[in-house]
Amino acid sequence: MTQLILKKCKCCGEEFETNRIDQFFKNRLHQVSHNNNKQSILRKRLAKINTPILKTLRIYKDLIGIKSEIRVSKDFLRGKGANIAVFTHVAKLDDQLVNFLYDIAIFDQEDFIVLKKNKQC
């Protein structure tokens, strides 16, 4: 005979009986609801970081198009809504450290930015 264990559901807080020590929810619907809520909170937190990055990436990709390299004014980029301060990583390219936004190398000059597609990334 198995012994029933009294537990508190992580989703609703109600107490329920189970014979498993690794059960944390009254039923499958409560488990799914709890996990969906956790992921929703995470998505909202990540959106603060990902939204400006993805918006800037779209702008850069639209501007570059089929070209391999372009030179663009910083004021023009700001006017388009790009956040010129965001980048995803730093890597060495032609013996210098360069900021990248995914596969686009960003060469920062005084009033301009040179965007270059990088085939290596």
C-alpha atoms as a PDB file:
ATOM      1  CA  MET A   1       0.000   0.000   0.000  1.00  0.00           C
ATOM      2  CA  THR A   2       1.353   3.385  -0.972  1.00  0.00           C
ATOM      3  CA  GLN A   3       1.180   6.277   1.390  1.00  0.00           C
ATOM      4  CA  LEU A   4      -0.503   9.493   0.248  1.00  0.00           C
ATOM      5  CA  ILE A   5       1.489  12.687   0.515  1.00  0.00           C
ATOM      6  CA  LEU A   6      -0.123  16.077   1.046  1.00  0.00           C
ATOM      7  CA  LYS A   7       1.372  18.708  -1.279  1.00  0.00           C
ATOM      8  CA  LYS A   8       0.656  22.292  -2.299  1.00  0.00           C
ATOM      9  CA  CYS A   9       0.108  22.959  -6.035  1.00  0.00           C
ATOM     10  CA  LYS A  10       2.757  25.341  -7.451  1.00  0.00           C
ATOM     11  CA  CYS A  11       0.140  26.851  -9.748  1.00  0.00           C
ATOM     12  CA  CYS A  12      -2.847  27.615  -7.552  1.00  0.00           C
ATOM     13  CA  GLY A  13      -1.567  26.955  -4.031  1.00  0.00           C
ATOM     14  CA  GLU A  14      -4.292  24.416  -3.240  1.00  0.00           C
ATOM     15  CA  GLU A  15      -3.381  21.328  -1.278  1.00  0.00           C
ATOM     16  CA  PHE A  16      -3.754  17.958  -2.988  1.00  0.00           C
ATOM     17  CA  GLU A  17      -2.939  14.341  -2.241  1.00  0.00           C
ATOM     18  CA  THR A  18      -0.497  12.322  -4.284  1.00  0.00           C
ATOM     19  CA  ASN A  19       1.515   9.148  -3.909  1.00  0.00           C
ATOM     20  CA  ARG A  20       4.468  10.585  -5.849  1.00  0.00           C
ATOM     21  CA  ILE A  21       7.137  12.711  -4.191  1.00  0.00           C
ATOM     22  CA  ASP A  22       8.038  14.407  -7.490  1.00  0.00           C
ATOM     23  CA  GLN A  23       4.523  15.707  -8.307  1.00  0.00           C
ATOM     24  CA  PHE A  24       4.172  19.453  -7.805  1.00  0.00           C
ATOM     25  CA  PHE A  25       0.860  20.196  -9.542  1.00  0.00           C
ATOM     26  CA  LYS A  26      -2.723  19.020  -9.028  1.00  0.00           C
ATOM     27  CA  ASN A  27      -3.010  18.017 -12.664  1.00  0.00           C
ATOM     28  CA  ARG A  28      -1.441  18.467 -16.094  1.00  0.00           C
ATOM     29  CA  LEU A  29      -3.430  21.648 -16.859  1.00  0.00           C
ATOM     30  CA  HIS A  30      -1.977  23.365 -13.784  1.00  0.00           C
ATOM     31  CA  GLN A  31       1.530  22.310 -14.808  1.00  0.00           C
ATOM     32  CA  VAL A  32       1.091  23.692 -18.344  1.00  0.00           C
ATOM     33  CA  SER A  33      -0.416  26.925 -17.015  1.00  0.00           C
ATOM     34  CA  HIS A  34       2.451  27.401 -14.545  1.00  0.00           C
ATOM     35  CA  ASN A  35       5.111  26.775 -17.208  1.00  0.00           C
ATOM     36  CA  ASN A  36       3.375  29.101 -19.693  1.00  0.00           C
ATOM     37  CA  ASN A  37       3.322  31.882 -17.085  1.00  0.00           C
ATOM     38  CA  LYS A  38       7.034  31.379 -16.344  1.00  0.00           C
ATOM     39  CA  GLN A  39       7.903  31.552 -20.054  1.00  0.00           C
ATOM     40  CA  SER A  40       5.725  34.636 -20.546  1.00  0.00           C
ATOM     41  CA  ILE A  41       7.607  36.461 -17.794  1.00  0.00           C
ATOM     42  CA  LEU A  42      10.936  35.438 -19.321  1.00  0.00           C
ATOM     43  CA  ARG A  43       9.866  36.557 -22.816  1.00  0.00           C
ATOM     44  CA  LYS A  44       8.838  39.971 -21.463  1.00  0.00           C
ATOM     45  CA  ARG A  45      12.186  40.405 -19.698  1.00  0.00           C
ATOM     46  CA  LEU A  46      14.149  39.349 -22.793  1.00  0.00           C
ATOM     47  CA  ALA A  47      12.076  41.620 -25.038  1.00  0.00           C
ATOM     48  CA  LYS A  48      13.722  44.657 -23.421  1.00  0.00           C
ATOM     49  CA  ILE A  49      17.055  43.377 -24.730  1.00  0.00           C
ATOM     50  CA  ASN A  50      16.031  41.637 -27.949  1.00  0.00           C
ATOM     51  CA  THR A  51      13.680  44.280 -29.374  1.00  0.00           C
ATOM     52  CA  PRO A  52      16.303  46.999 -29.997  1.00  0.00           C
ATOM     53  CA  ILE A  53      18.777  44.414 -31.296  1.00  0.00           C
ATOM     54  CA  LEU A  54      16.324  42.884 -33.760  1.00  0.00           C
ATOM     55  CA  LYS A  55      15.001  46.281 -34.893  1.00  0.00           C
ATOM     56  CA  THR A  56      18.546  47.507 -35.572  1.00  0.00           C
ATOM     57  CA  LEU A  57      19.411  44.250 -37.352  1.00  0.00           C
ATOM     58  CA  ARG A  58      16.390  44.639 -39.663  1.00  0.00           C
ATOM     59  CA  ILE A  59      17.408  48.211 -40.488  1.00  0.00           C
ATOM     60  CA  TYR A  60      21.026  47.207 -41.184  1.00  0.00           C
ATOM     61  CA  LYS A  61      19.970  44.263 -43.369  1.00  0.00           C
ATOM     62  CA  ASP A  62      17.507  46.431 -45.339  1.00  0.00           C
ATOM     63  CA  LEU A  63      20.190  49.053 -45.942  1.00  0.00           C
ATOM     64  CA  ILE A  64      22.882  46.594 -46.988  1.00  0.00           C
ATOM     65  CA  GLY A  65      20.573  44.589 -49.236  1.00  0.00           C
ATOM     66  CA  ILE A  66      22.664  42.652 -51.768  1.00  0.00           C
ATOM     67  CA  LYS A  67      25.769  44.790 -51.255  1.00  0.00           C
ATOM     68  CA  SER A  68      28.638  43.512 -49.172  1.00  0.00           C
ATOM     69  CA  GLU A  69      29.450  46.865 -47.545  1.00  0.00           C
ATOM     70  CA  ILE A  70      27.874  50.302 -47.089  1.00  0.00           C
ATOM     71  CA  ARG A  71      28.743  53.580 -45.383  1.00  0.00           C
ATOM     72  CA  VAL A  72      25.857  55.249 -43.541  1.00  0.00           C
ATOM     73  CA  SER A  73      25.505  58.439 -41.512  1.00  0.00           C
ATOM     74  CA  LYS A  74      24.871  57.951 -37.793  1.00  0.00           C
ATOM     75  CA  ASP A  75      22.128  60.599 -37.919  1.00  0.00           C
ATOM     76  CA  PHE A  76      20.416  58.725 -40.763  1.00  0.00           C
ATOM     77  CA  LEU A  77      20.505  55.488 -38.757  1.00  0.00           C
ATOM     78  CA  ARG A  78      19.097  57.200 -35.674  1.00  0.00           C
ATOM     79  CA  GLY A  79      16.343  58.698 -37.829  1.00  0.00           C
ATOM     80  CA  LYS A  80      15.471  55.210 -39.080  1.00  0.00           C
ATOM     81  CA  GLY A  81      15.171  54.064 -35.450  1.00  0.00           C
ATOM     82  CA  ALA A  82      18.397  52.070 -35.212  1.00  0.00           C
ATOM     83  CA  ASN A  83      20.192  51.888 -31.894  1.00  0.00           C
ATOM     84  CA  ILE A  84      23.797  52.280 -33.022  1.00  0.00           C
ATOM     85  CA  ALA A  85      25.108  51.295 -29.595  1.00  0.00           C
ATOM     86  CA  VAL A  86      23.861  47.700 -29.735  1.00  0.00           C
ATOM     87  CA  PHE A  87      25.945  44.759 -30.873  1.00  0.00           C
ATOM     88  CA  THR A  88      25.949  41.033 -30.199  1.00  0.00           C
ATOM     89  CA  HIS A  89      29.638  40.275 -29.937  1.00  0.00           C
ATOM     90  CA  VAL A  90      33.182  41.479 -30.543  1.00  0.00           C
ATOM     91  CA  ALA A  91      35.565  39.572 -32.802  1.00  0.00           C
ATOM     92  CA  LYS A  92      38.888  40.050 -34.507  1.00  0.00           C
ATOM     93  CA  LEU A  93      38.670  41.010 -38.175  1.00  0.00           C
ATOM     94  CA  ASP A  94      41.725  42.066 -40.175  1.00  0.00           C
ATOM     95  CA  ASP A  95      43.786  42.168 -36.954  1.00  0.00           C
ATOM     96  CA  GLN A  96      41.473  44.600 -35.179  1.00  0.00           C
ATOM     97  CA  LEU A  97      38.628  44.122 -32.721  1.00  0.00           C
ATOM     98  CA  VAL A  98      35.291  44.858 -34.351  1.00  0.00           C
ATOM     99  CA  ASN A  99      31.736  45.010 -32.993  1.00  0.00           C
ATOM    100  CA  PHE A 100      29.274  42.696 -34.728  1.00  0.00           C
ATOM    101  CA  LEU A 101      25.519  42.567 -34.894  1.00  0.00           C
ATOM    102  CA  TYR A 102      25.186  38.866 -35.678  1.00  0.00           C
ATOM    103  CA  ASP A 103      26.851  38.575 -39.114  1.00  0.00           C
ATOM    104  CA  ILE A 104      27.298  42.315 -39.778  1.00  0.00           C
ATOM    105  CA  ALA A 105      30.609  43.944 -38.889  1.00  0.00           C
ATOM    106  CA  ILE A 106      30.223  47.511 -37.576  1.00  0.00           C
ATOM    107  CA  PHE A 107      33.125  49.878 -38.183  1.00  0.00           C
ATOM    108  CA  ASP A 108      32.492  53.043 -36.174  1.00  0.00           C
ATOM    109  CA  GLN A 109      33.871  56.223 -37.681  1.00  0.00           C
ATOM    110  CA  GLU A 110      33.370  59.792 -36.498  1.00  0.00           C
ATOM    111  CA  ASP A 111      30.038  60.649 -38.174  1.00  0.00           C
ATOM    112  CA  PHE A 112      29.515  57.456 -40.142  1.00  0.00           C
ATOM    113  CA  ILE A 113      29.249  53.737 -39.645  1.00  0.00           C
ATOM    114  CA  VAL A 114      30.502  51.219 -42.154  1.00  0.00           C
ATOM    115  CA  LEU A 115      28.411  48.060 -42.208  1.00  0.00           C
ATOM    116  CA  LYS A 116      30.006  45.018 -43.775  1.00  0.00           C
ATOM    117  CA  LYS A 117      28.588  41.537 -44.253  1.00  0.00           C
ATOM    118  CA  ASN A 118      30.904  38.966 -42.760  1.00  0.00           C
ATOM    119  CA  LYS A 119      30.952  35.569 -44.437  1.00  0.00           C
ATOM    120  CA  GLN A 120      32.901  33.980 -41.543  1.00  0.00           C
ATOM    121  CA  CYS A 121      30.118  34.346 -38.941  1.00  0.00           C
END
